[in-house]
């Protein structure tokens, strides 16, 4: 169970993430993941941003996410029920 306050976690590990004109603190990741399903290995290096759910706009469909000068569109948000949301991104 994660017991540390979310603000401390994101302050320690996060970076500036721009959601249109709003800057929030989140964690950008583009780690390669291998998915082994049905005897096939499929690689996935899709970028994601992890941030507090309160920072995710309700109308996220047209939001541009900018990380280190690279623009992304939000493919889908995935709230985990603990106050954290993973934004699945795709490059614009």
C-alpha atoms as a PDB file:
ATOM      1  CA  UNK A   1       0.000   0.000   0.000  1.00  0.00           C
ATOM      2  CA  UNK A   2       1.262   3.456  -0.879  1.00  0.00           C
ATOM      3  CA  UNK A   3       1.196   5.560   2.305  1.00  0.00           C
ATOM      4  CA  UNK A   4       3.222   8.624   1.305  1.00  0.00           C
ATOM      5  CA  UNK A   5       1.223  11.747   0.409  1.00  0.00           C
ATOM      6  CA  UNK A   6       0.885  12.030  -3.374  1.00  0.00           C
ATOM      7  CA  UNK A   7       2.199  15.606  -3.386  1.00  0.00           C
ATOM      8  CA  UNK A   8       5.503  14.427  -1.877  1.00  0.00           C
ATOM      9  CA  UNK A   9       5.779  11.532  -4.343  1.00  0.00           C
ATOM     10  CA  UNK A  10       5.249  13.745  -7.384  1.00  0.00           C
ATOM     11  CA  UNK A  11       7.533  16.470  -5.999  1.00  0.00           C
ATOM     12  CA  UNK A  12      10.325  13.897  -5.586  1.00  0.00           C
ATOM     13  CA  UNK A  13       9.961  12.042  -8.888  1.00  0.00           C
ATOM     14  CA  UNK A  14       7.962  14.344 -11.167  1.00  0.00           C
ATOM     15  CA  UNK A  15       8.752  16.939 -13.766  1.00  0.00           C
ATOM     16  CA  UNK A  16       6.876  19.822 -15.381  1.00  0.00           C
ATOM     17  CA  UNK A  17       4.167  18.565 -17.743  1.00  0.00           C
ATOM     18  CA  UNK A  18       2.197  21.048 -19.805  1.00  0.00           C
ATOM     19  CA  UNK A  19      -1.504  20.340 -20.407  1.00  0.00           C
ATOM     20  CA  UNK A  20      -2.388  23.005 -22.975  1.00  0.00           C
ATOM     21  CA  UNK A  21      -1.701  26.218 -20.996  1.00  0.00           C
ATOM     22  CA  UNK A  22      -1.604  24.617 -17.532  1.00  0.00           C
ATOM     23  CA  UNK A  23       1.628  23.280 -16.024  1.00  0.00           C
ATOM     24  CA  UNK A  24       1.318  20.344 -13.625  1.00  0.00           C
ATOM     25  CA  UNK A  25       3.807  17.945 -12.054  1.00  0.00           C
ATOM     26  CA  UNK A  26       3.763  14.407 -13.393  1.00  0.00           C
ATOM     27  CA  UNK A  27       5.991  11.484 -14.246  1.00  0.00           C
ATOM     28  CA  UNK A  28       6.765  10.873 -17.926  1.00  0.00           C
ATOM     29  CA  UNK A  29       7.719   7.358 -18.947  1.00  0.00           C
ATOM     30  CA  UNK A  30       8.483   5.670 -22.237  1.00  0.00           C
ATOM     31  CA  UNK A  31       9.824   2.376 -20.987  1.00  0.00           C
ATOM     32  CA  UNK A  32       9.837  -0.571 -23.370  1.00  0.00           C
ATOM     33  CA  UNK A  33       7.467  -3.304 -22.243  1.00  0.00           C
ATOM     34  CA  UNK A  34       7.298  -6.774 -23.735  1.00  0.00           C
ATOM     35  CA  UNK A  35       3.853  -8.346 -23.769  1.00  0.00           C
ATOM     36  CA  UNK A  36       3.780 -12.090 -24.232  1.00  0.00           C
ATOM     37  CA  UNK A  37       0.349 -13.160 -25.317  1.00  0.00           C
ATOM     38  CA  UNK A  38      -0.785 -16.133 -27.342  1.00  0.00           C
ATOM     39  CA  UNK A  39       2.804 -17.268 -27.883  1.00  0.00           C
ATOM     40  CA  UNK A  40       3.835 -13.965 -29.489  1.00  0.00           C
ATOM     41  CA  UNK A  41       6.018 -11.223 -28.056  1.00  0.00           C
ATOM     42  CA  UNK A  42       4.783  -7.724 -28.781  1.00  0.00           C
ATOM     43  CA  UNK A  43       6.848  -4.697 -27.794  1.00  0.00           C
ATOM     44  CA  UNK A  44       5.288  -1.493 -26.552  1.00  0.00           C
ATOM     45  CA  UNK A  45       7.122   1.768 -25.989  1.00  0.00           C
ATOM     46  CA  UNK A  46       4.110   4.065 -25.931  1.00  0.00           C
ATOM     47  CA  UNK A  47       4.673   7.162 -23.814  1.00  0.00           C
ATOM     48  CA  UNK A  48       2.648   7.715 -20.657  1.00  0.00           C
ATOM     49  CA  UNK A  49       2.297  10.441 -18.060  1.00  0.00           C
ATOM     50  CA  UNK A  50       1.383   9.558 -14.484  1.00  0.00           C
ATOM     51  CA  UNK A  51      -0.185  12.402 -12.509  1.00  0.00           C
ATOM     52  CA  UNK A  52      -2.683  13.139  -9.749  1.00  0.00           C
ATOM     53  CA  UNK A  53      -6.219  12.524 -11.004  1.00  0.00           C
ATOM     54  CA  UNK A  54      -7.269  16.006  -9.870  1.00  0.00           C
ATOM     55  CA  UNK A  55      -4.973  17.466 -12.578  1.00  0.00           C
ATOM     56  CA  UNK A  56      -6.640  15.576 -15.451  1.00  0.00           C
ATOM     57  CA  UNK A  57      -9.119  17.821 -17.271  1.00  0.00           C
ATOM     58  CA  UNK A  58     -12.626  16.411 -17.672  1.00  0.00           C
ATOM     59  CA  UNK A  59     -12.570  17.297 -21.379  1.00  0.00           C
ATOM     60  CA  UNK A  60      -9.236  15.614 -22.170  1.00  0.00           C
ATOM     61  CA  UNK A  61      -9.898  14.650 -25.806  1.00  0.00           C
ATOM     62  CA  UNK A  62      -8.424  17.814 -27.383  1.00  0.00           C
ATOM     63  CA  UNK A  63      -5.697  18.521 -24.817  1.00  0.00           C
ATOM     64  CA  UNK A  64      -2.085  18.777 -25.988  1.00  0.00           C
ATOM     65  CA  UNK A  65       0.415  17.348 -23.517  1.00  0.00           C
ATOM     66  CA  UNK A  66       3.925  18.769 -23.883  1.00  0.00           C
ATOM     67  CA  UNK A  67       6.920  17.123 -22.240  1.00  0.00           C
ATOM     68  CA  UNK A  68      10.448  18.453 -22.857  1.00  0.00           C
ATOM     69  CA  UNK A  69       9.249  20.280 -25.965  1.00  0.00           C
ATOM     70  CA  UNK A  70       7.539  17.242 -27.555  1.00  0.00           C
ATOM     71  CA  UNK A  71       3.777  17.437 -28.149  1.00  0.00           C
ATOM     72  CA  UNK A  72       1.482  14.476 -27.509  1.00  0.00           C
ATOM     73  CA  UNK A  73      -2.249  13.828 -27.709  1.00  0.00           C
ATOM     74  CA  UNK A  74      -4.011  11.890 -24.974  1.00  0.00           C
ATOM     75  CA  UNK A  75      -5.117   8.516 -26.280  1.00  0.00           C
ATOM     76  CA  UNK A  76      -6.975   7.649 -23.080  1.00  0.00           C
ATOM     77  CA  UNK A  77      -6.788   8.333 -19.356  1.00  0.00           C
ATOM     78  CA  UNK A  78      -6.618   5.356 -16.994  1.00  0.00           C
ATOM     79  CA  UNK A  79      -7.526   6.320 -13.405  1.00  0.00           C
ATOM     80  CA  UNK A  80      -6.414   3.680 -10.906  1.00  0.00           C
ATOM     81  CA  UNK A  81      -8.873   4.517  -8.130  1.00  0.00           C
ATOM     82  CA  UNK A  82      -6.190   5.772  -5.712  1.00  0.00           C
ATOM     83  CA  UNK A  83      -6.049   9.383  -6.896  1.00  0.00           C
ATOM     84  CA  UNK A  84      -3.522   8.690  -9.660  1.00  0.00           C
ATOM     85  CA  UNK A  85      -4.206   8.591 -13.412  1.00  0.00           C
ATOM     86  CA  UNK A  86      -2.051   7.237 -16.233  1.00  0.00           C
ATOM     87  CA  UNK A  87      -2.458   9.159 -19.472  1.00  0.00           C
ATOM     88  CA  UNK A  88      -1.715   6.974 -22.475  1.00  0.00           C
ATOM     89  CA  UNK A  89      -0.162   9.291 -25.054  1.00  0.00           C
ATOM     90  CA  UNK A  90       0.523   9.346 -28.779  1.00  0.00           C
ATOM     91  CA  UNK A  91       2.891  11.705 -30.557  1.00  0.00           C
ATOM     92  CA  UNK A  92       1.239  14.536 -32.478  1.00  0.00           C
END
